[in-house]
Amino acid sequence: MRSVYLASLSFTALLCVACSSQPLATWSYEDARNRTPVPPDLAYPELFEAVQGQQLFTDQKHFVDALPRRDPSQIRADYLARRDGADFNLDAFVEDNFIESGQAESPTPKPGAPIDEHIDKLWPVLSRTYMQVPQYSSLLPLPQPYVVPGGRFREMYYWDSYFTMLGLEQSGDTAQVRQMTDNFAYMIDTYGHIPNGNRTYYLSRSQPPFFAYMVELQAHIEGEQAYGRYLGQLQKEYAYWMEGAQTLKPGEAGRHVVKLADGSVLNRYWDASPTPRQESWLQDVKTAEQAADRPKDEVWRDLRAGAESGWDFSSRWLGNGKDLATIRTTSIAPVDLNSLMYHLERTIAKACETVENVACVNAYVQRAEQRQRAIETHLWNADGGYYVDYDWQQNRQRPALTAATLFPLYTGLASSERANRTADAVRKGLLRPGGIATSQVNNGQQWDEPNGWAPLQWVAVEGLERYGQTDLAREIGSRFLQQVQALYRKEDKLVEKYDVSGQGSGGGGGEYELQDGFGWTNGVTLKLLGKYGG
């Protein structure tokens, strides 16, 4: 088994690496509408399964990010012709035919450097500009520069980027906020939705719909004309999430939409491909094997839907709350997703107002009000006093308290009475020495206890402040900020997640090692420093 990373290389350097044989052609973002992107598992399926199945690399994402040195069809034919030979060596074959991807670098801070100074120096290190990419790369080119999270995450991710953009704005880099917003608008226009990340293997799904918040941020920077400029893309994103809603009967679900027995329409996470995730292929194959009583494609789609949620993985999606093989994401109408859809509807109404389209305003206000009623009816746990997810197949709530309960406060759809009860439940059930825990279940999944994640801390702070719960907001924000600073002082880095139980360490669990960088932690840290100081 080989180590997963070589030194970081730009695509310009990668092209030069291949020049000894023949130059690699490129394609640009302008060509995307005339291309059908082919992910690695379809370009050379037999080789892909051999490499991933034999764990040639310690991280399954590494091979799908590697760059073929020549036409994948030629690589596939060559592999099929040679694989049964007595002297065939898979490791050598991959080395001969692929250029390995590199890891994002992180600068070592000056001794005693303030954390905000270190973050400001991280932005250019994490920035990428790939208006064109090598022809057979899994990376999708984008028209503007962007910031990647860091570590193994060498591409632009959807919901990560919003929290990164908050930090860029705090650092005064409003130009890059606009550039990244334009990148997401481009992907909506080109692919019909914003994919999980700008890779071919991410195109079958999206992530939590934060584009409306990006537009809102841009409007804060430049004025309300930004709403009108992105109106078309906002409506296209909405159409993607609501596709098929008009044809559903009560009790049915299709793609991302669920119609409950009473006719209420809510959304769920879903992926267009019922296969193992390419970047976690072996893990998904093994998980499906453990779920012997279920069709494999059903398990795989639920795993992919869990990845679309951003909470990959969490007890929220598990049938028994513990075993990943019981995952049933597509059976659940999540409170965070539906709160974000409410905000999207409200944002479209706002954008329609700026262009003086009254009929459009009324239509989306009505949709937002209908969703608000559905959330308050089906996702409010009256006994516990907090918001929960809803299992539409079993027609019952999932009563677990998680950090997702704060999204109705974040988006402003909750009543004051319910917001106050939710705040009390969070204070009693999720507040920890390092911020708020993601859930109350400790099962080894990374979106569970004892991990705390920067975006959820920000959602909590903003949501609680919105309803006058400033003391609890400050307590959460200050505790998380202290946790981030303590680890920074000890290890000179910011990481993607933290153990908020009081251990003073980075988080654990999940499918890969803890990653440094880290885009959304950097962004939220700067915002919290701006609110509460260092």
Protein backbone atom coordinates (compact mmCIF):
# COMPACT_ATOMS: atom_id res chain seq x y z
CA MET A 1 0.00 0.00 0.00
CA ARG A 2 1.48 3.33 -1.03
CA SER A 3 1.41 6.65 0.76
CA VAL A 4 -1.38 8.82 -0.58
CA TYR A 5 0.47 12.01 -1.44
CA LEU A 6 3.37 13.33 -3.47
CA ALA A 7 4.48 16.93 -3.20
CA SER A 8 1.88 19.48 -4.26
CA LEU A 9 1.92 20.18 -8.00
CA SER A 10 0.01 22.73 -10.03
CA PHE A 11 -1.57 21.58 -13.26
CA THR A 12 1.01 23.62 -15.14
CA ALA A 13 3.67 21.49 -13.50
CA LEU A 14 1.69 18.35 -14.18
CA LEU A 15 1.57 19.18 -17.86
CA CYS A 16 5.36 19.54 -17.84
CA VAL A 17 5.72 16.17 -16.10
CA ALA A 18 3.96 14.58 -19.02
CA CYS A 19 5.88 16.52 -21.68
CA SER A 20 8.56 13.85 -21.93
CA SER A 21 6.09 11.65 -23.81
CA GLN A 22 3.58 13.98 -25.44
CA PRO A 23 1.81 17.15 -24.31
CA LEU A 24 -1.54 16.74 -22.58
CA ALA A 25 -4.43 18.61 -24.15
CA THR A 26 -6.54 20.88 -21.98
CA TRP A 27 -10.14 22.00 -21.84
CA SER A 28 -11.55 25.16 -20.29
CA TYR A 29 -14.67 26.22 -18.45
CA GLU A 30 -15.95 27.62 -21.76
CA ASP A 31 -15.99 24.10 -23.23
CA ALA A 32 -17.99 22.52 -20.40
CA ARG A 33 -21.44 22.73 -22.00
CA ASN A 34 -20.18 20.78 -24.99
CA ARG A 35 -18.61 17.99 -22.95
CA THR A 36 -19.97 14.99 -21.09
CA PRO A 37 -17.72 14.60 -18.06
CA VAL A 38 -16.78 10.97 -17.43
CA PRO A 39 -15.74 10.08 -13.87
CA PRO A 40 -12.87 7.61 -13.32
CA ASP A 41 -15.07 4.62 -12.43
CA LEU A 42 -16.71 4.83 -15.86
CA ALA A 43 -13.60 5.77 -17.83
CA TYR A 44 -11.64 2.65 -16.81
CA PRO A 45 -13.99 0.60 -14.58
CA GLU A 46 -11.97 -2.60 -14.31
CA LEU A 47 -8.76 -0.77 -13.42
CA PHE A 48 -10.64 1.51 -11.04
CA GLU A 49 -12.08 -1.44 -9.10
CA ALA A 50 -8.72 -3.19 -8.99
CA VAL A 51 -6.90 -0.15 -7.61
CA GLN A 52 -9.58 0.71 -5.07
CA GLY A 53 -10.33 -2.89 -4.13
CA GLN A 54 -6.67 -3.69 -3.48
CA GLN A 55 -6.20 -0.44 -1.55
CA LEU A 56 -3.24 0.63 -3.62
CA PHE A 57 -3.46 3.98 -1.80
CA THR A 58 -4.32 4.58 1.83
CA ASP A 59 -6.96 7.15 0.84
CA GLN A 60 -9.54 6.09 -1.76
CA LYS A 61 -9.86 9.70 -2.93
CA HIS A 62 -6.28 9.74 -4.14
CA PHE A 63 -6.78 7.63 -7.26
CA VAL A 64 -9.86 9.49 -8.48
CA ASP A 65 -7.88 12.72 -8.25
CA ALA A 66 -4.90 11.30 -10.17
CA LEU A 67 -4.34 12.55 -13.72
CA PRO A 68 -4.24 10.02 -16.59
CA ARG A 69 -1.15 10.53 -18.76
CA ARG A 70 -3.03 9.54 -21.91
CA ASP A 71 -6.50 8.77 -23.27
CA PRO A 72 -8.37 6.73 -20.61
CA SER A 73 -9.73 4.41 -23.29
CA GLN A 74 -6.15 3.48 -24.22
CA ILE A 75 -5.25 2.95 -20.57
CA ARG A 76 -8.27 0.72 -20.13
CA ALA A 77 -7.50 -1.34 -23.24
CA ASP A 78 -3.89 -1.73 -22.20
CA TYR A 79 -4.91 -2.82 -18.70
CA LEU A 80 -7.39 -5.41 -19.98
CA ALA A 81 -4.78 -6.82 -22.33
CA ARG A 82 -2.06 -7.07 -19.69
CA ARG A 83 -3.74 -7.68 -16.35
CA ASP A 84 -3.69 -11.48 -16.51
CA GLY A 85 -0.01 -11.66 -17.44
CA ALA A 86 2.31 -13.44 -15.02
CA ASP A 87 4.58 -10.42 -14.79
CA PHE A 88 1.86 -7.78 -14.48
CA ASN A 89 2.35 -5.33 -11.61
CA LEU A 90 -0.62 -3.11 -10.78
CA ASP A 91 1.43 -0.64 -8.80
CA ALA A 92 3.87 -0.13 -11.66
CA PHE A 93 1.03 0.12 -14.20
CA VAL A 94 -0.62 2.93 -12.24
CA GLU A 95 2.68 4.72 -11.80
CA ASP A 96 3.33 4.53 -15.55
CA ASN A 97 -0.12 5.77 -16.52
CA PHE A 98 -1.09 8.35 -13.88
CA ILE A 99 0.33 11.49 -12.31
CA GLU A 100 -0.50 11.51 -8.63
CA SER A 101 -2.25 14.51 -7.11
CA GLY A 102 -0.59 16.60 -4.43
CA GLN A 103 -1.63 17.79 -1.01
CA ALA A 104 -2.48 21.40 -0.26
CA GLU A 105 0.34 23.08 1.62
CA SER A 106 0.03 25.01 4.87
CA PRO A 107 2.65 27.60 5.85
CA THR A 108 4.26 27.31 9.25
CA PRO A 109 3.27 30.39 11.25
CA LYS A 110 5.87 32.63 12.80
CA PRO A 111 6.46 31.78 16.46
CA GLY A 112 3.83 33.59 18.44
CA ALA A 113 2.03 34.87 15.34
CA PRO A 114 -1.59 35.83 16.07
CA ILE A 115 -4.11 33.39 14.67
CA ASP A 116 -5.76 36.01 12.43
CA GLU A 117 -2.38 36.82 10.87
CA HIS A 118 -1.81 33.14 10.18
CA ILE A 119 -5.24 32.82 8.55
CA ASP A 120 -4.65 35.85 6.34
CA LYS A 121 -1.48 34.15 5.10
CA LEU A 122 -3.38 30.91 4.50
CA TRP A 123 -5.83 32.42 1.99
CA PRO A 124 -3.36 32.68 -0.92
CA VAL A 125 -1.92 29.25 -0.08
CA LEU A 126 -5.41 27.71 -0.32
CA SER A 127 -6.36 29.69 -3.45
CA ARG A 128 -6.53 28.00 -6.86
CA THR A 129 -7.13 29.22 -10.42
CA TYR A 130 -8.04 26.53 -12.94
CA MET A 131 -9.78 28.16 -15.89
CA GLN A 132 -8.54 25.16 -17.88
CA VAL A 133 -7.44 21.69 -16.82
CA PRO A 134 -5.77 18.72 -18.50
CA GLN A 135 -8.20 16.95 -20.81
CA TYR A 136 -8.64 13.78 -18.76
CA SER A 137 -8.56 15.30 -15.29
CA SER A 138 -11.42 14.67 -12.87
CA LEU A 139 -11.22 18.35 -11.91
CA LEU A 140 -13.84 20.66 -13.46
CA PRO A 141 -12.46 24.04 -14.61
CA LEU A 142 -14.00 27.24 -13.27
CA PRO A 143 -13.91 30.80 -14.63
CA GLN A 144 -12.68 32.49 -11.44
CA PRO A 145 -10.17 31.84 -8.65
CA TYR A 146 -11.41 29.99 -5.57
CA VAL A 147 -10.32 28.76 -2.15
CA VAL A 148 -10.10 25.06 -1.29
CA PRO A 149 -10.55 23.68 2.25
CA GLY A 150 -7.06 22.16 2.47
CA GLY A 151 -5.45 18.76 3.00
CA ARG A 152 -7.05 16.03 0.87
CA PHE A 153 -9.72 18.49 -0.24
CA ARG A 154 -8.05 20.06 -3.27
CA GLU A 155 -11.20 21.32 -5.01
CA MET A 156 -13.92 23.86 -4.24
CA TYR A 157 -16.74 22.46 -2.11
CA TYR A 158 -20.26 23.85 -2.02
CA TRP A 159 -21.32 24.54 1.56
CA ASP A 160 -17.77 24.75 2.85
CA SER A 161 -17.23 27.73 0.62
CA TYR A 162 -19.89 29.94 2.18
CA PHE A 163 -18.16 29.87 5.57
CA THR A 164 -14.80 30.39 3.86
CA MET A 165 -16.30 33.40 2.07
CA LEU A 166 -17.39 34.88 5.41
CA GLY A 167 -13.74 34.83 6.43
CA LEU A 168 -12.57 36.32 3.15
CA GLU A 169 -15.01 39.18 3.62
CA GLN A 170 -13.78 39.64 7.19
CA SER A 171 -10.21 39.78 5.81
CA GLY A 172 -11.28 42.49 3.36
CA ASP A 173 -10.98 40.28 0.27
CA THR A 174 -14.39 41.13 -1.18
CA ALA A 175 -13.10 40.53 -4.71
CA GLN A 176 -12.68 36.82 -4.05
CA VAL A 177 -16.13 36.62 -2.45
CA ARG A 178 -17.55 37.87 -5.75
CA GLN A 179 -15.35 35.50 -7.75
CA MET A 180 -16.48 32.46 -5.80
CA THR A 181 -20.13 33.50 -6.02
CA ASP A 182 -19.69 33.78 -9.77
CA ASN A 183 -18.13 30.32 -9.88
CA PHE A 184 -21.20 28.82 -8.22
CA ALA A 185 -23.51 30.75 -10.54
CA TYR A 186 -21.48 29.37 -13.47
CA MET A 187 -21.91 25.79 -12.24
CA ILE A 188 -25.66 26.25 -11.92
CA ASP A 189 -25.83 27.55 -15.49
CA THR A 190 -23.51 24.83 -16.82
CA TYR A 191 -24.53 21.71 -14.89
CA GLY A 192 -28.04 22.62 -13.76
CA HIS A 193 -27.01 22.59 -10.09
CA ILE A 194 -24.05 23.16 -7.82
CA PRO A 195 -22.24 19.84 -7.43
CA ASN A 196 -20.77 18.61 -4.14
CA GLY A 197 -17.40 19.86 -5.47
CA ASN A 198 -15.86 20.68 -8.83
CA ARG A 199 -14.93 17.09 -9.72
CA THR A 200 -16.53 14.81 -12.30
CA TYR A 201 -17.31 12.24 -9.62
CA TYR A 202 -19.29 14.80 -7.60
CA LEU A 203 -21.73 15.78 -10.34
CA SER A 204 -24.48 13.36 -9.31
CA ARG A 205 -25.28 15.28 -6.13
CA SER A 206 -25.20 18.71 -4.54
CA GLN A 207 -24.71 19.86 -0.94
CA PRO A 208 -26.70 21.99 1.56
CA PRO A 209 -28.06 24.88 -0.56
CA PHE A 210 -26.11 27.89 0.68
CA PHE A 211 -25.99 29.73 -2.65
CA ALA A 212 -28.75 32.07 -1.47
CA TYR A 213 -26.58 32.99 1.51
CA MET A 214 -23.67 33.69 -0.83
CA VAL A 215 -25.89 36.05 -2.82
CA GLU A 216 -27.01 37.66 0.42
CA LEU A 217 -23.37 38.17 1.40
CA GLN A 218 -22.60 39.71 -1.97
CA ALA A 219 -25.61 42.02 -1.60
CA HIS A 220 -24.28 43.07 1.82
CA ILE A 221 -20.99 44.00 0.15
CA GLU A 222 -22.22 45.80 -2.97
CA GLY A 223 -25.90 46.55 -2.50
CA GLU A 224 -29.23 44.99 -3.37
CA GLN A 225 -28.58 44.94 -7.12
CA ALA A 226 -26.72 41.67 -6.47
CA TYR A 227 -30.04 39.94 -5.82
CA GLY A 228 -31.31 40.73 -9.29
CA ARG A 229 -28.06 39.73 -10.97
CA TYR A 230 -28.26 36.20 -9.57
CA LEU A 231 -32.05 35.78 -9.79
CA GLY A 232 -31.83 33.36 -12.71
CA GLN A 233 -29.37 31.09 -10.94
CA LEU A 234 -31.35 31.19 -7.69
CA GLN A 235 -34.44 30.01 -9.56
CA LYS A 236 -32.48 27.30 -11.39
CA GLU A 237 -31.11 25.96 -8.12
CA TYR A 238 -34.60 25.95 -6.68
CA ALA A 239 -35.87 24.04 -9.73
CA TYR A 240 -33.13 21.43 -9.23
CA TRP A 241 -34.15 20.77 -5.63
CA MET A 242 -37.88 20.79 -6.44
CA GLU A 243 -37.80 18.72 -9.65
CA GLY A 244 -40.79 16.37 -9.82
CA ALA A 245 -42.76 17.99 -6.99
CA GLN A 246 -45.83 18.65 -9.15
CA THR A 247 -46.38 14.97 -10.00
CA LEU A 248 -46.04 13.46 -6.53
CA LYS A 249 -48.99 12.00 -4.70
CA PRO A 250 -49.30 12.14 -0.89
CA GLY A 251 -46.91 9.64 0.69
CA GLU A 252 -44.56 9.61 -2.31
CA ALA A 253 -41.03 10.85 -2.87
CA GLY A 254 -39.10 11.58 -6.04
CA ARG A 255 -35.54 12.81 -6.35
CA HIS A 256 -35.12 15.54 -3.70
CA VAL A 257 -38.82 16.05 -2.97
CA VAL A 258 -41.18 14.39 -0.48
CA LYS A 259 -44.94 14.85 -0.29
CA LEU A 260 -46.31 13.88 3.11
CA ALA A 261 -49.69 12.28 3.72
CA ASP A 262 -51.33 15.64 4.43
CA GLY A 263 -49.99 17.12 1.18
CA SER A 264 -47.11 19.05 2.78
CA VAL A 265 -44.06 19.28 0.52
CA LEU A 266 -40.59 18.96 2.03
CA ASN A 267 -37.13 18.13 0.71
CA ARG A 268 -34.66 15.34 1.36
CA TYR A 269 -31.08 14.57 0.38
CA TRP A 270 -30.67 12.33 -2.66
CA ASP A 271 -28.06 11.33 -5.23
CA ALA A 272 -28.68 10.49 -8.87
CA SER A 273 -26.28 7.52 -8.81
CA PRO A 274 -27.03 4.27 -6.90
CA THR A 275 -23.38 3.12 -6.86
CA PRO A 276 -20.50 3.29 -4.37
CA ARG A 277 -18.97 6.74 -4.05
CA GLN A 278 -15.87 6.81 -6.23
CA GLU A 279 -13.82 8.61 -3.57
CA SER A 280 -14.86 6.06 -0.89
CA TRP A 281 -15.48 3.04 -3.10
CA LEU A 282 -14.14 0.26 -0.90
CA GLN A 283 -15.78 1.59 2.25
CA ASP A 284 -19.15 1.71 0.49
CA VAL A 285 -18.77 -1.79 -0.93
CA LYS A 286 -18.05 -3.16 2.54
CA THR A 287 -20.92 -1.22 4.11
CA ALA A 288 -23.40 -2.64 1.60
CA GLU A 289 -22.08 -6.15 2.27
CA GLN A 290 -22.89 -5.67 5.96
CA ALA A 291 -26.48 -4.72 5.08
CA ALA A 292 -27.35 -8.18 3.82
CA ASP A 293 -31.10 -7.62 4.11
CA ARG A 294 -31.13 -4.63 1.74
CA PRO A 295 -30.40 -4.15 -1.97
CA LYS A 296 -26.88 -2.79 -2.41
CA ASP A 297 -27.98 0.04 -4.68
CA GLU A 298 -30.36 1.27 -1.97
CA VAL A 299 -27.55 1.37 0.59
CA TRP A 300 -25.22 3.12 -1.84
CA ARG A 301 -27.77 5.81 -2.68
CA ASP A 302 -28.32 6.44 1.02
CA LEU A 303 -24.57 6.72 1.57
CA ARG A 304 -24.33 9.18 -1.30
CA ALA A 305 -27.28 11.15 0.03
CA GLY A 306 -25.50 11.29 3.37
CA ALA A 307 -22.51 12.78 1.56
CA GLU A 308 -24.80 15.35 -0.06
CA SER A 309 -26.03 16.37 3.39
CA GLY A 310 -22.49 17.39 4.37
CA TRP A 311 -22.99 15.31 7.53
CA ASP A 312 -21.12 12.27 6.27
CA PHE A 313 -21.78 10.47 8.44
CA SER A 314 -24.07 10.95 11.40
CA SER A 315 -26.45 9.07 13.66
CA ARG A 316 -29.11 11.32 12.11
CA TRP A 317 -29.18 9.08 9.05
CA LEU A 318 -28.81 5.68 10.72
CA GLY A 319 -31.73 3.37 11.35
CA ASN A 320 -30.40 2.27 14.72
CA GLY A 321 -28.27 5.35 15.34
CA LYS A 322 -25.09 3.29 15.52
CA ASP A 323 -24.29 1.12 12.50
CA LEU A 324 -23.54 2.71 9.14
CA ALA A 325 -25.06 -0.29 7.37
CA THR A 326 -28.48 0.86 8.65
CA ILE A 327 -28.22 4.20 6.84
CA ARG A 328 -31.51 5.50 5.39
CA THR A 329 -30.84 9.14 4.50
CA THR A 330 -33.37 9.28 1.67
CA SER A 331 -36.14 8.30 4.10
CA ILE A 332 -35.61 11.44 6.13
CA ALA A 333 -36.81 15.03 5.64
CA PRO A 334 -34.06 16.98 7.46
CA VAL A 335 -34.74 20.14 9.42
CA ASP A 336 -31.57 21.91 8.23
CA LEU A 337 -32.21 21.26 4.52
CA ASN A 338 -35.81 22.44 4.74
CA SER A 339 -34.82 25.52 6.67
CA LEU A 340 -32.29 26.35 3.95
CA MET A 341 -34.96 25.81 1.30
CA TYR A 342 -37.21 28.25 3.19
CA HIS A 343 -34.37 30.78 3.07
CA LEU A 344 -33.89 30.11 -0.66
CA GLU A 345 -37.57 30.79 -1.28
CA ARG A 346 -37.40 34.00 0.73
CA THR A 347 -34.24 35.08 -1.09
CA ILE A 348 -35.82 34.50 -4.50
CA ALA A 349 -38.78 36.61 -3.37
CA LYS A 350 -36.34 39.34 -2.34
CA ALA A 351 -34.55 39.14 -5.70
CA CYS A 352 -37.88 39.36 -7.53
CA GLU A 353 -38.73 42.43 -5.48
CA THR A 354 -35.53 44.17 -6.58
CA VAL A 355 -36.51 43.71 -10.25
CA GLU A 356 -40.13 44.73 -9.48
CA ASN A 357 -41.69 41.38 -10.44
CA VAL A 358 -44.70 41.35 -8.11
CA ALA A 359 -46.12 38.03 -9.32
CA CYS A 360 -42.78 36.34 -8.66
CA VAL A 361 -42.57 37.87 -5.18
CA ASN A 362 -46.02 36.61 -4.26
CA ALA A 363 -45.38 33.12 -5.63
CA TYR A 364 -42.19 32.55 -3.64
CA VAL A 365 -43.50 34.18 -0.47
CA GLN A 366 -46.41 31.75 -0.65
CA ARG A 367 -44.06 28.80 -1.09
CA ALA A 368 -41.97 29.93 1.86
CA GLU A 369 -45.06 30.26 4.05
CA GLN A 370 -46.25 26.80 3.05
CA ARG A 371 -42.86 25.32 3.91
CA GLN A 372 -42.78 27.17 7.20
CA ARG A 373 -46.14 25.65 8.14
CA ALA A 374 -44.91 22.18 7.14
CA ILE A 375 -41.76 22.55 9.25
CA GLU A 376 -43.69 23.82 12.27
CA THR A 377 -46.24 21.01 11.90
CA HIS A 378 -43.97 18.05 11.25
CA LEU A 379 -40.46 18.98 12.46
CA TRP A 380 -41.26 20.57 15.81
CA ASN A 381 -40.92 18.19 18.76
CA ALA A 382 -43.38 19.64 21.25
CA ASP A 383 -42.39 17.30 24.08
CA GLY A 384 -38.68 18.03 23.81
CA GLY A 385 -39.04 21.66 22.81
CA TYR A 386 -36.74 21.62 19.76
CA TYR A 387 -36.74 20.96 16.01
CA VAL A 388 -36.04 17.48 14.63
CA ASP A 389 -35.90 15.49 11.39
CA TYR A 390 -38.92 13.62 10.03
CA ASP A 391 -39.01 10.03 8.74
CA TRP A 392 -41.52 10.27 5.90
CA GLN A 393 -41.55 6.50 5.27
CA GLN A 394 -42.43 5.68 8.89
CA ASN A 395 -44.59 8.79 9.32
CA ARG A 396 -42.90 9.82 12.55
CA GLN A 397 -40.37 12.23 13.92
CA ARG A 398 -36.80 11.24 14.70
CA PRO A 399 -36.54 12.62 18.24
CA ALA A 400 -32.76 12.97 18.53
CA LEU A 401 -31.44 16.41 19.47
CA THR A 402 -28.67 17.56 17.10
CA ALA A 403 -27.08 20.86 16.15
CA ALA A 404 -29.37 20.91 13.10
CA THR A 405 -32.14 22.02 15.46
CA LEU A 406 -30.76 25.57 15.25
CA PHE A 407 -31.32 26.03 11.51
CA PRO A 408 -34.92 27.28 11.92
CA LEU A 409 -33.47 30.02 14.13
CA TYR A 410 -30.65 30.72 11.70
CA THR A 411 -33.06 31.19 8.81
CA GLY A 412 -35.60 33.09 10.89
CA LEU A 413 -38.62 30.84 10.42
CA ALA A 414 -39.13 29.94 14.09
CA SER A 415 -41.49 31.79 16.39
CA SER A 416 -39.96 33.55 19.40
CA GLU A 417 -41.52 31.02 21.78
CA ARG A 418 -40.15 28.03 19.91
CA ALA A 419 -36.77 29.66 19.43
CA ASN A 420 -36.48 30.21 23.19
CA ARG A 421 -37.42 26.61 23.92
CA THR A 422 -34.90 25.40 21.34
CA ALA A 423 -32.21 27.55 22.95
CA ASP A 424 -32.96 26.00 26.33
CA ALA A 425 -32.74 22.48 24.87
CA VAL A 426 -29.40 23.28 23.23
CA ARG A 427 -28.02 24.78 26.44
CA LYS A 428 -28.97 21.68 28.41
CA GLY A 429 -28.25 19.04 25.79
CA LEU A 430 -25.48 20.15 23.43
CA LEU A 431 -23.34 22.81 25.12
CA ARG A 432 -19.83 21.51 25.82
CA PRO A 433 -16.54 23.05 27.04
CA GLY A 434 -15.47 23.66 23.42
CA GLY A 435 -18.77 24.83 21.89
CA ILE A 436 -21.76 22.78 20.85
CA ALA A 437 -21.53 19.09 20.06
CA THR A 438 -22.97 17.91 16.76
CA SER A 439 -25.21 15.35 18.47
CA GLN A 440 -25.60 13.46 21.75
CA VAL A 441 -24.54 10.12 20.24
CA ASN A 442 -20.94 8.91 20.44
CA ASN A 443 -20.68 6.17 17.82
CA GLY A 444 -17.41 6.89 15.97
CA GLN A 445 -19.02 8.86 13.16
CA GLN A 446 -17.44 12.26 12.60
CA TRP A 447 -20.73 14.20 12.62
CA ASP A 448 -21.58 13.05 16.13
CA GLU A 449 -20.41 13.52 19.71
CA PRO A 450 -17.79 14.62 20.71
CA ASN A 451 -17.05 16.52 17.51
CA GLY A 452 -17.88 20.16 16.95
CA TRP A 453 -17.74 21.77 13.51
CA ALA A 454 -17.13 25.43 12.68
CA PRO A 455 -20.17 25.93 10.42
CA LEU A 456 -22.53 24.59 13.07
CA GLN A 457 -21.04 26.91 15.69
CA TRP A 458 -21.67 29.86 13.36
CA VAL A 459 -25.24 28.76 12.64
CA ALA A 460 -25.80 28.52 16.39
CA VAL A 461 -24.32 31.94 17.14
CA GLU A 462 -26.20 33.72 14.36
CA GLY A 463 -29.47 31.92 15.01
CA LEU A 464 -29.45 32.53 18.76
CA GLU A 465 -28.48 36.18 18.37
CA ARG A 466 -31.35 36.63 15.93
CA TYR A 467 -33.80 35.74 18.70
CA GLY A 468 -32.13 37.70 21.48
CA GLN A 469 -30.31 34.73 23.02
CA THR A 470 -27.08 36.70 23.10
CA ASP A 471 -25.62 35.17 26.27
CA LEU A 472 -25.87 31.62 24.94
CA ALA A 473 -24.60 32.73 21.55
CA ARG A 474 -21.56 34.33 23.16
CA GLU A 475 -20.98 31.25 25.33
CA ILE A 476 -20.96 28.95 22.30
CA GLY A 477 -18.86 31.24 20.12
CA SER A 478 -16.31 32.03 22.82
CA ARG A 479 -15.90 28.42 23.86
CA PHE A 480 -15.31 27.27 20.29
CA LEU A 481 -12.92 30.14 19.65
CA GLN A 482 -10.91 29.20 22.75
CA GLN A 483 -10.78 25.60 21.52
CA VAL A 484 -9.46 26.66 18.10
CA GLN A 485 -6.88 28.98 19.63
CA ALA A 486 -5.70 26.37 22.14
CA LEU A 487 -4.98 23.83 19.41
CA TYR A 488 -3.34 26.52 17.28
CA ARG A 489 -0.99 27.47 20.11
CA LYS A 490 -0.14 23.81 20.66
CA GLU A 491 0.19 22.55 17.06
CA ASP A 492 0.38 25.69 14.85
CA LYS A 493 -2.61 24.73 12.72
CA LEU A 494 -6.35 24.94 12.24
CA VAL A 495 -8.25 21.75 11.50
CA GLU A 496 -11.59 20.76 9.98
CA LYS A 497 -13.25 19.62 13.23
CA TYR A 498 -12.63 19.67 16.96
CA ASP A 499 -13.26 17.50 19.99
CA VAL A 500 -15.43 19.86 22.06
CA SER A 501 -15.60 17.64 25.14
CA GLY A 502 -12.77 19.52 26.82
CA GLN A 503 -9.87 17.40 25.60
CA GLY A 504 -8.33 20.35 23.71
CA SER A 505 -7.74 18.27 20.59
CA GLY A 506 -8.87 17.99 17.01
CA GLY A 507 -11.86 15.80 16.22
CA GLY A 508 -11.81 12.19 15.16
CA GLY A 509 -13.87 9.48 13.50
CA GLY A 510 -14.92 9.23 9.88
CA GLU A 511 -13.27 7.77 6.81
CA TYR A 512 -9.99 9.70 6.74
CA GLU A 513 -7.43 11.34 8.99
CA LEU A 514 -8.01 14.79 10.49
CA GLN A 515 -7.26 17.43 7.85
CA ASP A 516 -5.41 20.73 8.22
CA GLY A 517 -6.13 23.94 6.39
CA PHE A 518 -8.90 24.57 6.95
CA GLY A 519 -11.24 26.71 4.92
CA TRP A 520 -14.42 26.91 6.95
CA THR A 521 -12.62 26.88 10.31
CA ASN A 522 -10.52 29.82 9.12
CA GLY A 523 -13.62 31.74 8.06
CA VAL A 524 -15.66 31.13 11.20
CA THR A 525 -12.66 31.83 13.44
CA LEU A 526 -12.20 35.27 11.87
CA LYS A 527 -15.90 36.05 12.26
CA LEU A 528 -15.87 34.97 15.91
CA LEU A 529 -12.74 37.03 16.55
CA GLY A 530 -14.58 39.99 15.07
CA LYS A 531 -17.54 39.40 17.41
CA TYR A 532 -15.91 38.35 20.65
CA GLY A 533 -12.21 39.20 20.36
CA GLY A 534 -9.26 36.91 20.91
